[in-house]
Amino acid sequence: MILDASAILAFAEESIDVGEVIAEVADEGCMFGLPVACLAEAFRLADADRLDMVVNHPAAAVLTVDPLNWRACAMTHLMLGRFDAASALLAAVDNECHLLTGQPGLYAALADGGPIIPLQVGRRPTGWQHGSPDWSECQVPFLEGS
């Protein structure tokens, strides 16, 4: 699972929805990704102590864009209009994970809706239910066994 800036901000604002997803991912022994560009965007509006809390979570991995993937990042940035959203989407695609977002409209240009799981205030994200999606398939591959 990758959290974009809106999902990170929702966590910082003590969203139960995001906390439940993070807990489910951690309970399955998997990790969730926090793209550094999304953390920087969320920092503009969020409490730094809450951001530290999510960054220091044992199941969290702070992710950067692969410099060798710069062209895909640039094209995705052009398509989405925001670098933080582009980095989150690329992280989800590269790691074969879902992307949790409170702004699904940012990703509206994706064919078949992409790997997006919309965060809905007061309800679990669409498509989220205990045991679904299979969080075991949402690992950050280079961190397995860490």
Protein backbone atom coordinates (compact mmCIF):
# COMPACT_ATOMS: atom_id res chain seq x y z
CA MET A 1 0.00 0.00 0.00
CA ILE A 2 1.27 3.46 -0.92
CA LEU A 3 -0.12 6.57 0.79
CA ASP A 4 -0.25 9.75 -1.25
CA ALA A 5 -0.09 13.25 0.29
CA SER A 6 -3.83 13.37 0.98
CA ALA A 7 -3.77 10.00 2.79
CA ILE A 8 -0.70 11.06 4.78
CA LEU A 9 -2.44 14.31 5.68
CA ALA A 10 -5.56 12.36 6.71
CA PHE A 11 -3.38 10.22 9.00
CA ALA A 12 -1.86 13.38 10.48
CA GLU A 13 -5.40 14.61 11.13
CA GLU A 14 -6.03 11.35 13.04
CA SER A 15 -8.18 9.64 10.40
CA ILE A 16 -9.42 6.32 11.72
CA ASP A 17 -9.80 5.14 8.13
CA VAL A 18 -6.10 5.51 7.34
CA GLY A 19 -5.09 4.13 10.73
CA GLU A 20 -7.17 0.99 10.13
CA VAL A 21 -5.60 0.40 6.73
CA ILE A 22 -2.09 0.86 8.17
CA ALA A 23 -2.90 -1.53 11.03
CA GLU A 24 -4.23 -4.15 8.59
CA VAL A 25 -1.13 -3.88 6.41
CA ALA A 26 1.15 -4.20 9.46
CA ASP A 27 -0.90 -7.12 10.87
CA GLU A 28 -0.36 -8.98 7.59
CA GLY A 29 3.41 -8.52 8.03
CA CYS A 30 3.63 -6.17 5.06
CA MET A 31 4.85 -2.63 4.64
CA PHE A 32 3.30 0.59 3.42
CA GLY A 33 5.14 3.21 1.39
CA LEU A 34 5.42 6.94 1.98
CA PRO A 35 6.85 8.75 -1.04
CA VAL A 36 9.14 11.52 0.17
CA ALA A 37 7.49 14.01 -2.22
CA CYS A 38 4.13 13.23 -0.60
CA LEU A 39 5.57 13.72 2.88
CA ALA A 40 6.94 17.10 1.79
CA GLU A 41 3.54 18.10 0.39
CA ALA A 42 1.70 16.94 3.53
CA PHE A 43 4.21 18.83 5.70
CA ARG A 44 2.81 22.13 4.41
CA LEU A 45 -0.45 21.47 6.32
CA ALA A 46 0.26 18.72 8.85
CA ASP A 47 1.61 18.54 12.36
CA ALA A 48 5.27 17.49 12.11
CA ASP A 49 4.97 15.21 15.16
CA ARG A 50 2.15 13.25 13.48
CA LEU A 51 4.23 12.96 10.31
CA ASP A 52 7.13 11.64 12.40
CA MET A 53 4.73 9.11 13.89
CA VAL A 54 3.79 7.65 10.50
CA VAL A 55 7.38 7.82 9.16
CA ASN A 56 8.67 5.96 12.23
CA HIS A 57 5.98 3.28 12.11
CA PRO A 58 7.69 -0.15 11.99
CA ALA A 59 5.82 -1.04 8.78
CA ALA A 60 6.60 2.25 7.00
CA ALA A 61 9.08 2.71 4.19
CA VAL A 62 9.99 6.20 2.95
CA LEU A 63 10.36 5.98 -0.83
CA THR A 64 12.10 8.10 -3.43
CA VAL A 65 11.71 8.14 -7.19
CA ASP A 66 14.26 5.95 -8.93
CA PRO A 67 16.55 8.41 -10.77
CA LEU A 68 16.78 5.97 -13.69
CA ASN A 69 13.00 6.24 -13.99
CA TRP A 70 13.10 10.02 -14.46
CA ARG A 71 11.36 10.01 -17.84
CA ALA A 72 8.38 8.00 -16.55
CA CYS A 73 8.24 10.36 -13.58
CA ALA A 74 8.25 13.41 -15.86
CA MET A 75 5.51 11.98 -18.10
CA THR A 76 3.38 11.01 -15.08
CA HIS A 77 3.91 14.48 -13.61
CA LEU A 78 2.67 16.01 -16.87
CA MET A 79 -0.38 13.72 -16.89
CA LEU A 80 -1.34 14.31 -13.24
CA GLY A 81 -0.14 17.89 -12.83
CA ARG A 82 1.56 17.28 -9.48
CA PHE A 83 4.97 15.80 -8.72
CA ASP A 84 3.89 14.30 -5.39
CA ALA A 85 0.98 12.47 -7.03
CA ALA A 86 3.27 11.27 -9.82
CA SER A 87 5.76 9.88 -7.31
CA ALA A 88 2.98 8.10 -5.40
CA LEU A 89 1.55 6.56 -8.55
CA LEU A 90 4.97 5.40 -9.75
CA ALA A 91 5.69 3.88 -6.34
CA ALA A 92 2.40 1.96 -6.50
CA VAL A 93 3.06 0.74 -10.04
CA ASP A 94 6.72 -0.14 -9.41
CA ASN A 95 5.87 -2.06 -6.23
CA GLU A 96 2.64 -3.57 -7.59
CA CYS A 97 0.63 -2.05 -4.73
CA HIS A 98 -2.55 -0.09 -4.28
CA LEU A 99 -2.49 3.67 -3.77
CA LEU A 100 -4.61 5.09 -0.93
CA THR A 101 -5.79 8.63 -1.65
CA GLY A 102 -8.28 11.18 -0.45
CA GLN A 103 -8.13 12.82 -3.88
CA PRO A 104 -9.06 10.14 -6.41
CA GLY A 105 -9.82 12.84 -8.98
CA LEU A 106 -6.08 13.46 -9.31
CA TYR A 107 -5.76 10.03 -10.88
CA ALA A 108 -8.89 10.21 -13.08
CA ALA A 109 -6.83 10.01 -16.28
CA LEU A 110 -5.70 6.45 -15.49
CA ALA A 111 -7.04 3.65 -17.63
CA ASP A 112 -9.33 1.31 -15.69
CA GLY A 113 -8.97 3.51 -12.60
CA GLY A 114 -5.42 2.34 -11.92
CA PRO A 115 -4.37 0.95 -8.53
CA ILE A 116 -6.37 3.64 -6.70
CA ILE A 117 -8.26 3.05 -3.45
CA PRO A 118 -10.26 6.19 -2.60
CA LEU A 119 -10.30 7.25 1.01
CA GLN A 120 -13.78 8.24 2.14
CA VAL A 121 -14.20 10.23 5.32
CA GLY A 122 -16.15 8.30 7.93
CA ARG A 123 -16.08 5.02 5.97
CA ARG A 124 -13.46 2.51 5.02
CA PRO A 125 -11.98 3.12 1.57
CA THR A 126 -13.96 1.78 -1.38
CA GLY A 127 -12.95 -1.80 -2.05
CA TRP A 128 -11.49 -2.21 1.44
CA GLN A 129 -12.77 -4.96 3.63
CA HIS A 130 -11.05 -7.31 6.02
CA GLY A 131 -8.85 -9.60 3.96
CA SER A 132 -9.28 -7.58 0.75
CA PRO A 133 -7.23 -6.52 -1.07
CA ASP A 134 -4.64 -9.19 -0.34
CA TRP A 135 -2.07 -7.08 1.53
CA SER A 136 0.51 -9.87 1.19
CA GLU A 137 0.80 -8.84 -2.45
CA CYS A 138 1.51 -5.23 -1.51
CA GLN A 139 5.01 -5.51 -0.18
CA VAL A 140 7.82 -3.16 -1.00
CA PRO A 141 10.05 -5.79 -2.65
CA PHE A 142 13.45 -4.35 -1.80
CA LEU A 143 12.54 -4.24 1.89
CA GLU A 144 11.27 -7.81 2.29
CA GLY A 145 12.83 -9.50 5.27
CA SER A 146 14.04 -6.20 6.74
